[in-house]
Amino acid sequence: AFIIADAIGLAAFSITGAQIGMVLQLNLFGVISLAFVTAVGGGIARDILVNDVPMILRTDLYGSVAILIGGLIYLLGHLGWINIFT
């Protein structure tokens, strides 16, 4: 159950960070960076508070997923398939 909730949180915060980057009209690097920092930052804070090694330091899957989601949001926004600016 914990892994499913963590995956949903990772995706949700990646999307949120990427959308903020798109609203601020950042380039691809900026959008991906915001998606990454937003998604990974919360998980690191949570793991540190419970005195655990942060998940991002144990596996690179989290960072990769955040980067992929940020790139996908950037691509879809520029193709006009999603409307970020409403």
N, C-alpha and C. Protein backbone atom coordinates (compact mmCIF):
# COMPACT_ATOMS: atom_id res chain seq x y z
N ALA A 1 0.82 -1.20 0.00
CA ALA A 1 0.00 0.00 0.00
C ALA A 1 0.87 1.26 0.00
N PHE A 2 1.99 1.20 0.74
CA PHE A 2 2.87 2.37 0.82
C PHE A 2 3.48 2.70 -0.54
N ILE A 3 3.86 1.68 -1.30
CA ILE A 3 4.50 1.91 -2.59
C ILE A 3 3.53 2.54 -3.57
N ILE A 4 2.26 2.13 -3.54
CA ILE A 4 1.26 2.70 -4.43
C ILE A 4 1.02 4.16 -4.09
N ALA A 5 0.89 4.47 -2.81
CA ALA A 5 0.68 5.87 -2.40
C ALA A 5 1.89 6.72 -2.74
N ASP A 6 3.09 6.16 -2.60
CA ASP A 6 4.31 6.89 -2.93
C ASP A 6 4.39 7.17 -4.43
N ALA A 7 4.00 6.20 -5.25
CA ALA A 7 4.02 6.38 -6.71
C ALA A 7 3.00 7.44 -7.14
N ILE A 8 1.84 7.44 -6.53
CA ILE A 8 0.82 8.45 -6.85
C ILE A 8 1.32 9.83 -6.46
N GLY A 9 1.93 9.95 -5.30
CA GLY A 9 2.48 11.23 -4.86
C GLY A 9 3.59 11.70 -5.77
N LEU A 10 4.46 10.80 -6.19
CA LEU A 10 5.55 11.15 -7.10
C LEU A 10 5.00 11.69 -8.41
N ALA A 11 4.03 11.01 -8.99
CA ALA A 11 3.44 11.46 -10.26
C ALA A 11 2.72 12.79 -10.09
N ALA A 12 1.95 12.92 -9.02
CA ALA A 12 1.18 14.15 -8.80
C ALA A 12 2.10 15.36 -8.63
N PHE A 13 3.15 15.22 -7.85
CA PHE A 13 4.04 16.34 -7.62
C PHE A 13 4.92 16.63 -8.84
N SER A 14 5.24 15.61 -9.62
CA SER A 14 5.97 15.84 -10.87
C SER A 14 5.12 16.66 -11.84
N ILE A 15 3.87 16.28 -11.96
CA ILE A 15 2.96 17.01 -12.85
C ILE A 15 2.79 18.45 -12.37
N THR A 16 2.62 18.62 -11.07
CA THR A 16 2.44 19.96 -10.52
C THR A 16 3.66 20.84 -10.79
N GLY A 17 4.84 20.32 -10.54
CA GLY A 17 6.05 21.09 -10.79
C GLY A 17 6.21 21.43 -12.27
N ALA A 18 5.92 20.47 -13.15
CA ALA A 18 6.03 20.72 -14.59
C ALA A 18 5.01 21.77 -15.04
N GLN A 19 3.81 21.72 -14.50
CA GLN A 19 2.80 22.71 -14.87
C GLN A 19 3.21 24.11 -14.42
N ILE A 20 3.80 24.23 -13.26
CA ILE A 20 4.28 25.54 -12.81
C ILE A 20 5.36 26.05 -13.74
N GLY A 21 6.26 25.16 -14.15
CA GLY A 21 7.29 25.55 -15.10
C GLY A 21 6.71 26.01 -16.43
N MET A 22 5.66 25.35 -16.89
CA MET A 22 5.02 25.74 -18.15
C MET A 22 4.33 27.10 -18.00
N VAL A 23 3.66 27.32 -16.88
CA VAL A 23 2.99 28.61 -16.66
C VAL A 23 4.01 29.74 -16.61
N LEU A 24 5.19 29.46 -16.05
CA LEU A 24 6.25 30.47 -16.00
C LEU A 24 7.01 30.59 -17.32
N GLN A 25 6.59 29.80 -18.31
CA GLN A 25 7.17 29.80 -19.65
C GLN A 25 8.68 29.49 -19.64
N LEU A 26 9.05 28.50 -18.84
CA LEU A 26 10.43 28.06 -18.79
C LEU A 26 10.73 27.16 -19.98
N ASN A 27 12.02 26.97 -20.26
CA ASN A 27 12.40 26.06 -21.34
C ASN A 27 12.32 24.63 -20.84
N LEU A 28 12.72 23.67 -21.69
CA LEU A 28 12.63 22.26 -21.34
C LEU A 28 13.40 21.94 -20.07
N PHE A 29 14.61 22.46 -19.95
CA PHE A 29 15.41 22.19 -18.76
C PHE A 29 14.73 22.72 -17.50
N GLY A 30 14.15 23.90 -17.57
CA GLY A 30 13.47 24.48 -16.42
C GLY A 30 12.26 23.68 -15.99
N VAL A 31 11.47 23.23 -16.96
CA VAL A 31 10.28 22.44 -16.65
C VAL A 31 10.67 21.11 -16.02
N ILE A 32 11.66 20.44 -16.59
CA ILE A 32 12.09 19.16 -16.04
C ILE A 32 12.71 19.36 -14.66
N SER A 33 13.47 20.43 -14.47
CA SER A 33 14.07 20.69 -13.16
C SER A 33 13.01 20.91 -12.10
N LEU A 34 11.99 21.69 -12.41
CA LEU A 34 10.92 21.92 -11.42
C LEU A 34 10.15 20.64 -11.13
N ALA A 35 9.89 19.84 -12.15
CA ALA A 35 9.21 18.57 -11.92
C ALA A 35 10.04 17.68 -11.01
N PHE A 36 11.34 17.62 -11.25
CA PHE A 36 12.24 16.79 -10.46
C PHE A 36 12.32 17.26 -9.01
N VAL A 37 12.58 18.54 -8.83
CA VAL A 37 12.76 19.09 -7.48
C VAL A 37 11.47 18.98 -6.68
N THR A 38 10.35 19.25 -7.31
CA THR A 38 9.06 19.18 -6.61
C THR A 38 8.75 17.75 -6.19
N ALA A 39 8.97 16.81 -7.09
CA ALA A 39 8.63 15.41 -6.80
C ALA A 39 9.57 14.79 -5.78
N VAL A 40 10.84 15.03 -5.93
CA VAL A 40 11.83 14.37 -5.08
C VAL A 40 11.96 15.06 -3.73
N GLY A 41 11.76 16.36 -3.69
CA GLY A 41 11.93 17.12 -2.45
C GLY A 41 11.04 16.67 -1.32
N GLY A 42 9.78 16.41 -1.61
CA GLY A 42 8.85 15.96 -0.58
C GLY A 42 9.22 14.59 -0.04
N GLY A 43 9.64 13.71 -0.93
CA GLY A 43 10.04 12.38 -0.50
C GLY A 43 11.28 12.39 0.37
N ILE A 44 12.22 13.27 0.04
CA ILE A 44 13.44 13.38 0.85
C ILE A 44 13.09 13.90 2.24
N ALA A 45 12.25 14.92 2.31
CA ALA A 45 11.86 15.47 3.61
C ALA A 45 11.15 14.41 4.45
N ARG A 46 10.25 13.66 3.83
CA ARG A 46 9.54 12.62 4.56
C ARG A 46 10.49 11.56 5.10
N ASP A 47 11.40 11.09 4.25
CA ASP A 47 12.33 10.05 4.67
C ASP A 47 13.27 10.53 5.77
N ILE A 48 13.70 11.77 5.70
CA ILE A 48 14.58 12.31 6.75
C ILE A 48 13.83 12.43 8.08
N LEU A 49 12.57 12.83 8.02
CA LEU A 49 11.79 12.97 9.25
C LEU A 49 11.57 11.63 9.95
N VAL A 50 11.49 10.54 9.19
CA VAL A 50 11.31 9.23 9.81
C VAL A 50 12.64 8.50 9.99
N ASN A 51 13.75 9.24 9.82
CA ASN A 51 15.10 8.73 10.03
C ASN A 51 15.42 7.53 9.13
N ASP A 52 15.10 7.69 7.86
CA ASP A 52 15.36 6.66 6.86
C ASP A 52 16.24 7.25 5.76
N VAL A 53 16.95 6.40 5.05
CA VAL A 53 17.75 6.88 3.92
C VAL A 53 16.78 7.29 2.82
N PRO A 54 16.92 8.51 2.27
CA PRO A 54 15.98 8.95 1.22
C PRO A 54 15.95 7.98 0.04
N MET A 55 14.74 7.75 -0.46
CA MET A 55 14.54 6.80 -1.54
C MET A 55 15.34 7.16 -2.79
N ILE A 56 15.49 8.44 -3.06
CA ILE A 56 16.23 8.88 -4.25
C ILE A 56 17.69 8.46 -4.18
N LEU A 57 18.22 8.27 -2.97
CA LEU A 57 19.61 7.84 -2.81
C LEU A 57 19.76 6.33 -2.92
N ARG A 58 18.67 5.60 -2.81
CA ARG A 58 18.71 4.14 -2.90
C ARG A 58 18.43 3.63 -4.30
N THR A 59 17.60 4.31 -5.05
CA THR A 59 17.23 3.88 -6.39
C THR A 59 17.06 5.10 -7.28
N ASP A 60 17.43 4.96 -8.52
CA ASP A 60 17.32 6.10 -9.44
C ASP A 60 15.98 6.12 -10.17
N LEU A 61 15.09 5.20 -9.85
CA LEU A 61 13.79 5.16 -10.51
C LEU A 61 13.00 6.43 -10.26
N TYR A 62 13.04 6.96 -9.05
CA TYR A 62 12.25 8.13 -8.71
C TYR A 62 12.65 9.33 -9.56
N GLY A 63 13.94 9.58 -9.65
CA GLY A 63 14.40 10.70 -10.45
C GLY A 63 14.07 10.52 -11.92
N SER A 64 14.20 9.31 -12.41
CA SER A 64 13.91 9.03 -13.81
C SER A 64 12.44 9.27 -14.14
N VAL A 65 11.56 8.82 -13.26
CA VAL A 65 10.13 9.01 -13.49
C VAL A 65 9.79 10.50 -13.48
N ALA A 66 10.34 11.25 -12.55
CA ALA A 66 10.07 12.68 -12.48
C ALA A 66 10.56 13.39 -13.74
N ILE A 67 11.73 13.01 -14.23
CA ILE A 67 12.27 13.62 -15.45
C ILE A 67 11.40 13.27 -16.66
N LEU A 68 10.97 12.03 -16.76
CA LEU A 68 10.11 11.63 -17.87
C LEU A 68 8.77 12.37 -17.86
N ILE A 69 8.18 12.50 -16.69
CA ILE A 69 6.91 13.20 -16.59
C ILE A 69 7.08 14.67 -16.95
N GLY A 70 8.15 15.30 -16.48
CA GLY A 70 8.41 16.70 -16.83
C GLY A 70 8.58 16.88 -18.33
N GLY A 71 9.33 15.99 -18.96
CA GLY A 71 9.51 16.07 -20.41
C GLY A 71 8.22 15.84 -21.17
N LEU A 72 7.40 14.91 -20.69
CA LEU A 72 6.12 14.63 -21.34
C LEU A 72 5.18 15.82 -21.23
N ILE A 73 5.11 16.44 -20.07
CA ILE A 73 4.25 17.62 -19.91
C ILE A 73 4.72 18.74 -20.82
N TYR A 74 6.02 18.94 -20.92
CA TYR A 74 6.57 19.98 -21.80
C TYR A 74 6.18 19.70 -23.26
N LEU A 75 6.37 18.47 -23.69
CA LEU A 75 6.05 18.10 -25.06
C LEU A 75 4.55 18.26 -25.35
N LEU A 76 3.73 17.74 -24.48
CA LEU A 76 2.28 17.83 -24.68
C LEU A 76 1.80 19.28 -24.66
N GLY A 77 2.39 20.09 -23.80
CA GLY A 77 2.01 21.51 -23.75
C GLY A 77 2.35 22.24 -25.03
N HIS A 78 3.50 21.94 -25.61
CA HIS A 78 3.90 22.62 -26.84
C HIS A 78 3.20 22.07 -28.07
N LEU A 79 2.71 20.84 -28.00
CA LEU A 79 1.92 20.30 -29.09
C LEU A 79 0.46 20.76 -29.03
N GLY A 80 0.08 21.36 -27.90
CA GLY A 80 -1.28 21.85 -27.74
C GLY A 80 -2.25 20.76 -27.31
N TRP A 81 -1.75 19.64 -26.82
CA TRP A 81 -2.62 18.55 -26.42
C TRP A 81 -3.13 18.70 -25.00
N ILE A 82 -2.49 19.53 -24.21
CA ILE A 82 -2.99 19.85 -22.88
C ILE A 82 -2.98 21.36 -22.74
N ASN A 83 -3.91 21.86 -21.99
CA ASN A 83 -4.01 23.31 -21.82
C ASN A 83 -3.56 23.66 -20.40
N ILE A 84 -2.32 24.07 -20.28
CA ILE A 84 -1.73 24.37 -18.98
C ILE A 84 -2.14 25.77 -18.51
N PHE A 85 -2.42 26.65 -19.44
CA PHE A 85 -2.53 28.08 -19.14
C PHE A 85 -3.93 28.53 -18.73
N THR A 86 -4.78 27.62 -18.25
CA THR A 86 -6.10 28.05 -17.82
C THR A 86 -6.16 28.20 -16.33
